Amino acid sequence: MPRHTWEPIRDLMTLQERMNRLFADAADRRARGGEDEDEIERADWIPAADVYEDEAQFIIVLDLPGVERGGLDVGLDENRLTIRGERAGGEGEAHARRAERPAGRFIRSFTLPEMVEREAITADYKDGVLRLALPVPAAGAATGRAGGTRARCRSVFGAHGRARRFT
């Protein structure tokens, strides 16, 4: 059986390299248009998301179990689609022996490509899964946005957390 010796300097160098990569990755994400500083600081967790694409649309699916529909805020500002919300802590949280499910506020943002028809975005929230459909025009069709202007700031969900169109 091989004998390993503890080398504290090597361990510290490895830790420093990992920390440097972590900060470099964060700086790269922010430079590519990642989340704003405030959003990163305010988010307690980030929900899992899948993005699918076909010839007619992009589909974003987020797993949000335990999040009430009324607590969701799905908004569009210029080319940034942002999903915000909050999930309450687990039952008997103070007495938990093991707590793996995240709780608290979450924020998830996506940069939309120019081709997405912003006024036709729909949302469906069922059984803890949020499904957003982002239609794109057919090949060669006009986008319907005069001069390439984009929607200012609107919410996919209307008053009281209801989506404009549910499927």
Foldseek 3Di string as FASTA:
>chain_A
DDDDDDDVVVVVVVVVVVVVVVVVVVVVCVVVPHDDPVQVVQAQDEWDWDWDDDQWWIKIKTQAPQWDLLQWWWKDAFQKTKIKGWHADDPPVVPDPDDDDTGTIHMDMDGHDLQWLVVPWWWAADNRMIMIITTGDHPPDDSPDPPSDDDHMDTCADPSNHGPDYD
